[in-house]
Amino acid sequence: MPLPPPTQSPSTLCCFLLALLFSSTFLHLAGAHRSSSTLSSTVLSEWRPARASYYAATDPRDTVGGACGYGDLGRSGYGLATVGLSSALFEKGLACGGCYEVRCVEELRYCIPGTSIVLTATNFCAPNYGLPSDAGGLCNPPNSHFVMPIAAFEKIAIWKAGVLPIQYRRVSDWETGGRIKCIRDGGVRFTIQGRRFFVAVLISNVAGAGDVTAVKVKGTATGWLQMGRNWGQNWHIGADLRGQPLSFELTTSDGVTLTSFNVAPHGWSFGQTYVGKQFPF
């Protein structure tokens, strides 16, 4: 079932920074297929040091945009629990969609004890090479830095902290032991753009690890075709797939694979968003 087309183009969205909104409760879509993970839960759940600051979103444009191309973060399924990552973490867009659990540490005056928050990487915190990394250049290499919306920041610390030490770890859908999981409301969303022999797909609202690392597409007249990463979570292929129902196979960074058949119907059109299955949680 198609959703209304997005109101922003990827080129426009790239120009906005720090699109920050908070996700709420989530539903489960059954029937997803998963394979065994190639990573251990120990690696994914290892706490690592970083620093965090917050961004007060006062401009209406700040609810859309971001360097990952998700557009309106509410429509894309991410809400307010989003984060901009420094160069050391963003990995030129490979981190887009990745889920991170963040907690405040050390600053006893400001930390809210026993709290953490799950954030999705939707943006890039650009370095400021006019300032040294230890004196103002918060997102300069090699710093691991998270820029959070103030609504998310205040879930783990008092706003007066400004810049504070944190710990973070990646979140996977198959973790056990009662850890927080990255879940989504509804299925994975596929926004199809392009023209004739060029098909581009923005993939959003991904549960589990969140960051898609490989995509295949299949029409009724083709086998499975590997798509290439364009930027962020925008994937493309040079093929004429018009007039065919489209199926997608997604693999996330923890090795879990999801196959959604006939996501886009026979009469799909460019500019529309279609909803498939969801990674299990």
Protein backbone atom coordinates (compact mmCIF):
# COMPACT_ATOMS: atom_id res chain seq x y z
CA MET A 1 0.00 0.00 0.00
CA PRO A 2 1.64 3.23 -1.12
CA LEU A 3 2.25 6.17 1.18
CA PRO A 4 2.16 9.79 -0.06
CA PRO A 5 5.41 10.84 -1.80
CA PRO A 6 8.01 12.66 0.31
CA THR A 7 8.03 16.45 0.15
CA GLN A 8 11.80 16.84 0.04
CA SER A 9 14.39 15.64 -2.48
CA PRO A 10 17.64 13.99 -1.32
CA SER A 11 19.67 16.92 -2.63
CA THR A 12 17.64 19.33 -0.49
CA LEU A 13 17.74 17.04 2.53
CA CYS A 14 21.54 16.87 2.45
CA CYS A 15 21.67 20.60 3.12
CA PHE A 16 19.92 20.38 6.45
CA LEU A 17 21.79 19.22 9.52
CA LEU A 18 20.74 17.67 12.82
CA ALA A 19 17.24 16.51 12.08
CA LEU A 20 16.14 15.39 15.50
CA LEU A 21 12.83 13.87 16.68
CA PHE A 22 11.88 11.12 19.26
CA SER A 23 10.28 7.71 18.45
CA SER A 24 7.38 6.34 20.53
CA THR A 25 5.84 2.85 20.89
CA PHE A 26 6.15 0.20 18.28
CA LEU A 27 4.26 -2.69 16.67
CA HIS A 28 5.50 -6.03 15.37
CA LEU A 29 5.02 -7.30 11.82
CA ALA A 30 5.31 -11.07 11.68
CA GLY A 31 6.56 -13.27 8.91
CA ALA A 32 10.07 -11.86 8.51
CA HIS A 33 12.95 -14.16 7.62
CA ARG A 34 16.26 -13.99 9.44
CA SER A 35 19.60 -15.70 9.05
CA SER A 36 22.24 -16.32 11.69
CA SER A 37 24.39 -13.35 12.62
CA THR A 38 27.99 -13.02 11.56
CA LEU A 39 28.85 -10.95 14.65
CA SER A 40 28.84 -11.93 18.29
CA SER A 41 26.57 -10.24 20.80
CA THR A 42 29.68 -9.36 22.81
CA VAL A 43 31.05 -7.22 19.97
CA LEU A 44 27.74 -5.49 19.32
CA SER A 45 27.00 -4.80 22.98
CA GLU A 46 30.45 -3.57 24.03
CA TRP A 47 30.24 -0.17 25.75
CA ARG A 48 32.60 2.42 24.27
CA PRO A 49 33.50 5.95 25.41
CA ALA A 50 32.36 9.11 23.62
CA ARG A 51 31.07 12.59 24.36
CA ALA A 52 27.68 14.11 23.71
CA SER A 53 26.10 17.52 23.34
CA TYR A 54 22.59 18.60 22.46
CA TYR A 55 20.84 20.62 19.83
CA ALA A 56 17.69 22.63 20.51
CA ALA A 57 15.49 22.26 17.42
CA THR A 58 13.72 25.63 17.15
CA ASP A 59 13.48 25.94 13.36
CA PRO A 60 10.61 24.00 11.70
CA ARG A 61 13.04 22.89 9.01
CA ASP A 62 14.93 20.93 11.65
CA THR A 63 12.19 18.29 11.66
CA VAL A 64 13.22 17.30 8.13
CA GLY A 65 16.51 16.84 6.38
CA GLY A 66 19.70 15.26 7.56
CA ALA A 67 22.75 13.83 5.84
CA CYS A 68 21.21 10.35 5.53
CA GLY A 69 18.36 11.51 3.27
CA TYR A 70 15.46 10.30 5.40
CA GLY A 71 13.50 13.51 4.90
CA ASP A 72 10.71 14.12 7.40
CA LEU A 73 11.86 11.96 10.31
CA GLY A 74 8.31 11.55 11.58
CA ARG A 75 7.11 10.23 8.23
CA SER A 76 10.20 8.04 7.94
CA GLY A 77 9.45 6.37 11.28
CA TYR A 78 12.25 7.83 13.43
CA GLY A 79 10.58 10.59 15.43
CA LEU A 80 12.74 12.40 18.02
CA ALA A 81 15.23 9.70 19.06
CA THR A 82 17.83 10.61 16.46
CA VAL A 83 21.47 11.63 16.52
CA GLY A 84 24.14 13.30 14.43
CA LEU A 85 27.47 11.47 14.48
CA SER A 86 31.00 12.82 14.17
CA SER A 87 33.26 11.78 11.29
CA ALA A 88 34.81 8.98 13.32
CA LEU A 89 31.42 7.31 13.72
CA PHE A 90 29.50 8.40 10.61
CA GLU A 91 31.81 6.53 8.23
CA LYS A 92 30.80 8.62 5.21
CA GLY A 93 27.16 7.56 5.60
CA LEU A 94 27.65 3.85 6.26
CA ALA A 95 26.33 4.39 9.81
CA CYS A 96 23.01 5.83 8.60
CA GLY A 97 20.11 4.02 10.27
CA GLY A 98 22.34 2.38 12.87
CA CYS A 99 20.88 2.04 16.37
CA TYR A 100 22.88 3.03 19.44
CA GLU A 101 22.15 2.78 23.14
CA VAL A 102 23.62 5.76 24.99
CA ARG A 103 24.08 6.36 28.72
CA CYS A 104 25.59 9.15 30.81
CA VAL A 105 28.69 8.35 32.87
CA GLU A 106 31.07 10.02 35.33
CA GLU A 107 29.28 13.39 35.63
CA LEU A 108 27.44 12.67 38.86
CA ARG A 109 26.13 16.25 39.06
CA TYR A 110 24.32 15.92 35.76
CA CYS A 111 23.69 12.24 34.94
CA ILE A 112 20.28 10.72 35.61
CA PRO A 113 21.26 7.42 37.26
CA GLY A 114 20.16 4.15 35.71
CA THR A 115 18.91 5.65 32.45
CA SER A 116 19.79 5.12 28.82
CA ILE A 117 18.23 5.95 25.47
CA VAL A 118 18.22 4.26 22.05
CA LEU A 119 19.06 6.62 19.17
CA THR A 120 19.13 6.22 15.40
CA ALA A 121 21.89 7.78 13.30
CA THR A 122 20.18 10.11 10.83
CA ASN A 123 22.69 12.91 10.47
CA PHE A 124 26.31 14.02 10.31
CA CYS A 125 28.06 16.38 12.71
CA ALA A 126 30.53 18.20 10.49
CA PRO A 127 34.03 18.90 11.81
CA ASN A 128 35.18 22.43 12.51
CA TYR A 129 38.82 22.46 11.49
CA GLY A 130 39.13 26.08 12.60
CA LEU A 131 39.18 24.81 16.18
CA PRO A 132 41.32 22.04 17.71
CA SER A 133 39.59 18.78 18.52
CA ASP A 134 40.21 19.28 22.23
CA ALA A 135 39.06 22.90 22.32
CA GLY A 136 35.84 23.50 20.44
CA GLY A 137 36.12 21.11 17.51
CA LEU A 138 33.73 18.62 19.09
CA CYS A 139 33.15 16.59 15.93
CA ASN A 140 36.68 16.77 14.57
CA PRO A 141 38.56 13.50 14.01
CA PRO A 142 39.36 11.43 15.98
CA ASN A 143 36.58 12.41 18.40
CA SER A 144 33.62 10.07 18.87
CA HIS A 145 30.82 12.58 19.39
CA PHE A 146 27.02 12.40 19.49
CA VAL A 147 24.85 15.47 18.88
CA MET A 148 21.39 14.77 20.27
CA PRO A 149 18.12 16.69 20.36
CA ILE A 150 17.62 18.26 23.76
CA ALA A 151 14.53 16.07 24.28
CA ALA A 152 16.71 12.96 23.98
CA PHE A 153 19.63 14.44 25.93
CA GLU A 154 17.38 15.17 28.89
CA LYS A 155 16.43 11.50 29.12
CA ILE A 156 19.91 10.73 30.45
CA ALA A 157 21.27 14.03 31.81
CA ILE A 158 20.40 17.54 32.93
CA TRP A 159 20.71 20.09 30.12
CA LYS A 160 23.15 22.26 32.13
CA ALA A 161 25.81 19.62 31.52
CA GLY A 162 26.42 21.01 28.02
CA VAL A 163 29.07 18.59 26.75
CA LEU A 164 29.50 15.45 28.82
CA PRO A 165 31.13 12.00 28.74
CA ILE A 166 28.89 9.12 27.67
CA GLN A 167 29.13 5.46 26.80
CA TYR A 168 27.49 3.95 23.73
CA ARG A 169 26.98 0.53 22.20
CA ARG A 170 25.37 -0.80 19.05
CA VAL A 171 21.93 -2.36 19.41
CA SER A 172 20.93 -5.57 17.63
CA ASP A 173 17.51 -7.15 17.26
CA TRP A 174 18.76 -10.56 18.43
CA GLU A 175 20.35 -9.50 21.71
CA THR A 176 19.24 -11.38 24.80
CA GLY A 177 19.29 -10.78 28.51
CA GLY A 178 16.63 -8.09 28.65
CA ARG A 179 18.62 -5.40 26.86
CA ILE A 180 16.84 -2.58 25.06
CA LYS A 181 16.16 -3.37 21.39
CA CYS A 182 15.76 -1.09 18.39
CA ILE A 183 12.19 -1.59 17.23
CA ARG A 184 9.97 0.27 14.80
CA ASP A 185 6.32 1.00 14.24
CA GLY A 186 5.21 -0.92 11.14
CA GLY A 187 7.29 -2.33 8.32
CA VAL A 188 10.40 -1.30 6.43
CA ARG A 189 9.66 1.56 4.02
CA PHE A 190 10.86 1.68 0.42
CA THR A 191 10.65 5.08 -1.31
CA ILE A 192 11.24 4.58 -5.03
CA GLN A 193 12.71 7.36 -7.15
CA GLY A 194 14.36 7.45 -10.55
CA ARG A 195 13.38 7.40 -14.20
CA ARG A 196 13.02 4.64 -16.76
CA PHE A 197 16.26 2.62 -16.64
CA PHE A 198 17.48 4.03 -13.31
CA VAL A 199 15.82 3.00 -10.02
CA ALA A 200 16.79 4.53 -6.67
CA VAL A 201 15.31 3.35 -3.38
CA LEU A 202 15.48 5.06 0.01
CA ILE A 203 15.19 2.41 2.74
CA SER A 204 13.92 3.62 6.12
CA ASN A 205 12.19 2.53 9.33
CA VAL A 206 14.50 -0.46 9.73
CA ALA A 207 14.40 -2.31 13.06
CA GLY A 208 17.14 -4.47 14.56
CA ALA A 209 20.65 -3.18 13.91
CA GLY A 210 19.08 -0.50 11.70
CA ASP A 211 21.89 0.05 9.21
CA VAL A 212 21.39 -1.83 5.93
CA THR A 213 24.64 -3.03 4.37
CA ALA A 214 23.37 -4.92 1.29
CA VAL A 215 20.23 -4.74 -0.87
CA LYS A 216 18.90 -6.93 -3.66
CA VAL A 217 15.82 -6.30 -5.79
CA LYS A 218 13.81 -8.76 -7.87
CA GLY A 219 11.12 -8.21 -10.46
CA THR A 220 8.84 -10.93 -11.80
CA ALA A 221 10.87 -10.86 -15.03
CA THR A 222 14.31 -10.89 -13.37
CA GLY A 223 16.33 -12.83 -10.86
CA TRP A 224 17.78 -11.21 -7.74
CA LEU A 225 19.82 -8.13 -8.72
CA GLN A 226 22.41 -6.52 -6.45
CA MET A 227 21.81 -2.81 -5.78
CA GLY A 228 24.65 -0.36 -5.13
CA ARG A 229 24.79 2.19 -2.33
CA ASN A 230 24.33 5.70 -3.65
CA TRP A 231 24.64 7.60 -0.35
CA GLY A 232 23.32 7.07 3.16
CA GLN A 233 20.51 4.53 2.87
CA ASN A 234 19.77 5.40 -0.76
CA TRP A 235 20.40 2.43 -3.07
CA HIS A 236 20.28 2.28 -6.87
CA ILE A 237 20.40 0.03 -9.91
CA GLY A 238 20.52 0.60 -13.65
CA ALA A 239 17.61 -1.56 -14.84
CA ASP A 240 14.15 -1.14 -16.27
CA LEU A 241 11.89 -2.65 -13.60
CA ARG A 242 8.68 -0.91 -14.60
CA GLY A 243 5.53 -2.98 -14.83
CA GLN A 244 6.83 -5.68 -12.46
CA PRO A 245 6.02 -6.27 -8.79
CA LEU A 246 9.23 -5.66 -6.84
CA SER A 247 10.65 -7.77 -4.01
CA PHE A 248 13.58 -6.75 -1.80
CA GLU A 249 16.20 -8.61 0.23
CA LEU A 250 17.94 -6.58 2.94
CA THR A 251 20.93 -7.44 5.10
CA THR A 252 21.89 -5.40 8.15
CA SER A 253 25.32 -4.94 9.72
CA ASP A 254 24.78 -7.82 12.17
CA GLY A 255 24.24 -10.29 9.31
CA VAL A 256 20.46 -10.62 9.66
CA THR A 257 18.61 -10.92 6.33
CA LEU A 258 14.99 -9.95 5.63
CA THR A 259 13.14 -10.83 2.42
CA SER A 260 9.93 -9.00 1.49
CA PHE A 261 8.12 -10.28 -1.59
CA ASN A 262 6.02 -8.09 -3.89
CA VAL A 263 6.51 -4.95 -1.79
CA ALA A 264 5.73 -2.70 -4.74
CA PRO A 265 2.75 -3.90 -6.82
CA HIS A 266 2.60 -4.31 -10.60
CA GLY A 267 1.55 -0.69 -11.08
CA TRP A 268 4.14 0.93 -8.79
CA SER A 269 5.31 4.41 -9.69
CA PHE A 270 8.28 6.67 -9.00
CA GLY A 271 7.87 8.99 -6.05
CA GLN A 272 5.81 6.55 -3.99
CA THR A 273 6.63 4.79 -0.70
CA TYR A 274 5.74 1.13 -0.16
CA VAL A 275 5.82 -0.86 3.08
CA GLY A 276 7.29 -4.34 3.42
CA LYS A 277 7.95 -6.76 6.26
CA GLN A 278 9.93 -5.81 9.35
CA PHE A 279 13.00 -7.32 10.98
CA PRO A 280 11.89 -9.45 13.96
CA PHE A 281 12.04 -8.11 17.49
